[in-house]
Amino acid sequence: MTLLFLAPLLWIAAALPWVGLHCTLGLRHRGAALAAGLVFTVWFTWFLITWLGMPDSYPAPFCPGNVPPWWPSFIPT
């Protein structure tokens, strides 16, 4: 529910880097601007889902340390 109420602010926060990249890097290197924008969008989406989408009361008895056993070690929790 929090993500629903924050959606307009999150959209602005995600759109501003794209505008900045288009106005700076995109004028000369469109491929680099697109790649940087996609990397930022993936990182921003991961951050929001893990920060706002995961409750603190995740069932620890099923997942010790609130990390599932199948979770890859190279992805931070």
C-alpha atoms as a PDB file:
ATOM      1  CA  MET A   1       0.000   0.000   0.000  1.00  0.00           C
ATOM      2  CA  THR A   2       2.912   2.327   0.698  1.00  0.00           C
ATOM      3  CA  LEU A   3       4.145   1.944  -2.870  1.00  0.00           C
ATOM      4  CA  LEU A   4       0.708   2.945  -4.179  1.00  0.00           C
ATOM      5  CA  PHE A   5       0.702   6.218  -2.259  1.00  0.00           C
ATOM      6  CA  LEU A   6       4.318   6.969  -3.143  1.00  0.00           C
ATOM      7  CA  ALA A   7       3.925   6.133  -6.838  1.00  0.00           C
ATOM      8  CA  PRO A   8       3.827   9.752  -8.119  1.00  0.00           C
ATOM      9  CA  LEU A   9       6.934  10.695  -6.136  1.00  0.00           C
ATOM     10  CA  LEU A  10       8.711   7.513  -7.219  1.00  0.00           C
ATOM     11  CA  TRP A  11       7.855   8.195 -10.851  1.00  0.00           C
ATOM     12  CA  ILE A  12       9.391  11.678 -10.614  1.00  0.00           C
ATOM     13  CA  ALA A  13      12.459  10.288  -8.836  1.00  0.00           C
ATOM     14  CA  ALA A  14      12.918   7.719 -11.602  1.00  0.00           C
ATOM     15  CA  ALA A  15      12.231  10.159 -14.469  1.00  0.00           C
ATOM     16  CA  LEU A  16      14.652  12.895 -13.410  1.00  0.00           C
ATOM     17  CA  PRO A  17      17.814  10.833 -14.086  1.00  0.00           C
ATOM     18  CA  TRP A  18      16.493   9.968 -17.561  1.00  0.00           C
ATOM     19  CA  VAL A  19      15.941  13.661 -18.323  1.00  0.00           C
ATOM     20  CA  GLY A  20      19.409  14.507 -16.988  1.00  0.00           C
ATOM     21  CA  LEU A  21      21.028  11.757 -19.032  1.00  0.00           C
ATOM     22  CA  HIS A  22      19.197  12.837 -22.166  1.00  0.00           C
ATOM     23  CA  CYS A  23      20.242  16.480 -21.740  1.00  0.00           C
ATOM     24  CA  THR A  24      23.891  15.675 -21.028  1.00  0.00           C
ATOM     25  CA  LEU A  25      25.135  12.341 -22.316  1.00  0.00           C
ATOM     26  CA  GLY A  26      22.286  11.638 -24.723  1.00  0.00           C
ATOM     27  CA  LEU A  27      23.159  14.468 -27.085  1.00  0.00           C
ATOM     28  CA  ARG A  28      26.402  12.806 -28.150  1.00  0.00           C
ATOM     29  CA  HIS A  29      26.310   9.186 -26.975  1.00  0.00           C
ATOM     30  CA  ARG A  30      22.753   7.890 -27.105  1.00  0.00           C
ATOM     31  CA  GLY A  31      23.751   4.273 -26.452  1.00  0.00           C
ATOM     32  CA  ALA A  32      25.703   5.186 -23.321  1.00  0.00           C
ATOM     33  CA  ALA A  33      22.828   7.326 -22.045  1.00  0.00           C
ATOM     34  CA  LEU A  34      20.382   4.469 -22.622  1.00  0.00           C
ATOM     35  CA  ALA A  35      22.646   1.964 -20.880  1.00  0.00           C
ATOM     36  CA  ALA A  36      23.197   4.266 -17.893  1.00  0.00           C
ATOM     37  CA  GLY A  37      19.466   4.928 -17.651  1.00  0.00           C
ATOM     38  CA  LEU A  38      18.643   1.230 -17.722  1.00  0.00           C
ATOM     39  CA  VAL A  39      21.256   0.451 -15.065  1.00  0.00           C
ATOM     40  CA  PHE A  40      19.849   3.195 -12.830  1.00  0.00           C
ATOM     41  CA  THR A  41      16.266   2.016 -13.372  1.00  0.00           C
ATOM     42  CA  VAL A  42      17.130  -1.595 -12.477  1.00  0.00           C
ATOM     43  CA  TRP A  43      19.023  -0.463  -9.366  1.00  0.00           C
ATOM     44  CA  PHE A  44      16.239   1.937  -8.320  1.00  0.00           C
ATOM     45  CA  THR A  45      13.555  -0.731  -8.778  1.00  0.00           C
ATOM     46  CA  TRP A  46      15.565  -3.279  -6.765  1.00  0.00           C
ATOM     47  CA  PHE A  47      16.125  -0.714  -4.017  1.00  0.00           C
ATOM     48  CA  LEU A  48      12.451   0.222  -3.754  1.00  0.00           C
ATOM     49  CA  ILE A  49      11.229  -3.365  -3.735  1.00  0.00           C
ATOM     50  CA  THR A  50      13.692  -4.442  -1.061  1.00  0.00           C
ATOM     51  CA  TRP A  51      13.315  -1.294   1.064  1.00  0.00           C
ATOM     52  CA  LEU A  52       9.568  -0.673   0.860  1.00  0.00           C
ATOM     53  CA  GLY A  53       8.219  -4.033  -0.256  1.00  0.00           C
ATOM     54  CA  MET A  54       9.737  -6.340   2.354  1.00  0.00           C
ATOM     55  CA  PRO A  55       8.147  -6.214   5.798  1.00  0.00           C
ATOM     56  CA  ASP A  56      10.388  -6.426   8.846  1.00  0.00           C
ATOM     57  CA  SER A  57       8.209  -9.195  10.210  1.00  0.00           C
ATOM     58  CA  TYR A  58       9.228 -11.657   7.488  1.00  0.00           C
ATOM     59  CA  PRO A  59       8.756 -15.141   8.984  1.00  0.00           C
ATOM     60  CA  ALA A  60      12.174 -15.937  10.468  1.00  0.00           C
ATOM     61  CA  PRO A  61      11.326 -19.553  11.492  1.00  0.00           C
ATOM     62  CA  PHE A  62      10.947 -20.434   7.822  1.00  0.00           C
ATOM     63  CA  CYS A  63      13.998 -18.418   6.746  1.00  0.00           C
ATOM     64  CA  PRO A  64      16.717 -18.054   9.400  1.00  0.00           C
ATOM     65  CA  GLY A  65      18.100 -14.537   9.348  1.00  0.00           C
ATOM     66  CA  ASN A  66      15.198 -13.546   7.034  1.00  0.00           C
ATOM     67  CA  VAL A  67      17.168 -14.878   4.049  1.00  0.00           C
ATOM     68  CA  PRO A  68      15.771 -17.836   2.113  1.00  0.00           C
ATOM     69  CA  PRO A  69      18.176 -20.765   1.666  1.00  0.00           C
ATOM     70  CA  TRP A  70      18.012 -20.463  -2.129  1.00  0.00           C
ATOM     71  CA  TRP A  71      18.997 -16.751  -2.146  1.00  0.00           C
ATOM     72  CA  PRO A  72      22.313 -16.188  -4.022  1.00  0.00           C
ATOM     73  CA  SER A  73      25.128 -14.889  -1.820  1.00  0.00           C
ATOM     74  CA  PHE A  74      26.281 -12.267  -4.345  1.00  0.00           C
ATOM     75  CA  ILE A  75      22.960 -10.355  -4.093  1.00  0.00           C
ATOM     76  CA  PRO A  76      22.772  -8.256  -0.907  1.00  0.00           C
ATOM     77  CA  THR A  77      19.805  -8.666   1.391  1.00  0.00           C
END
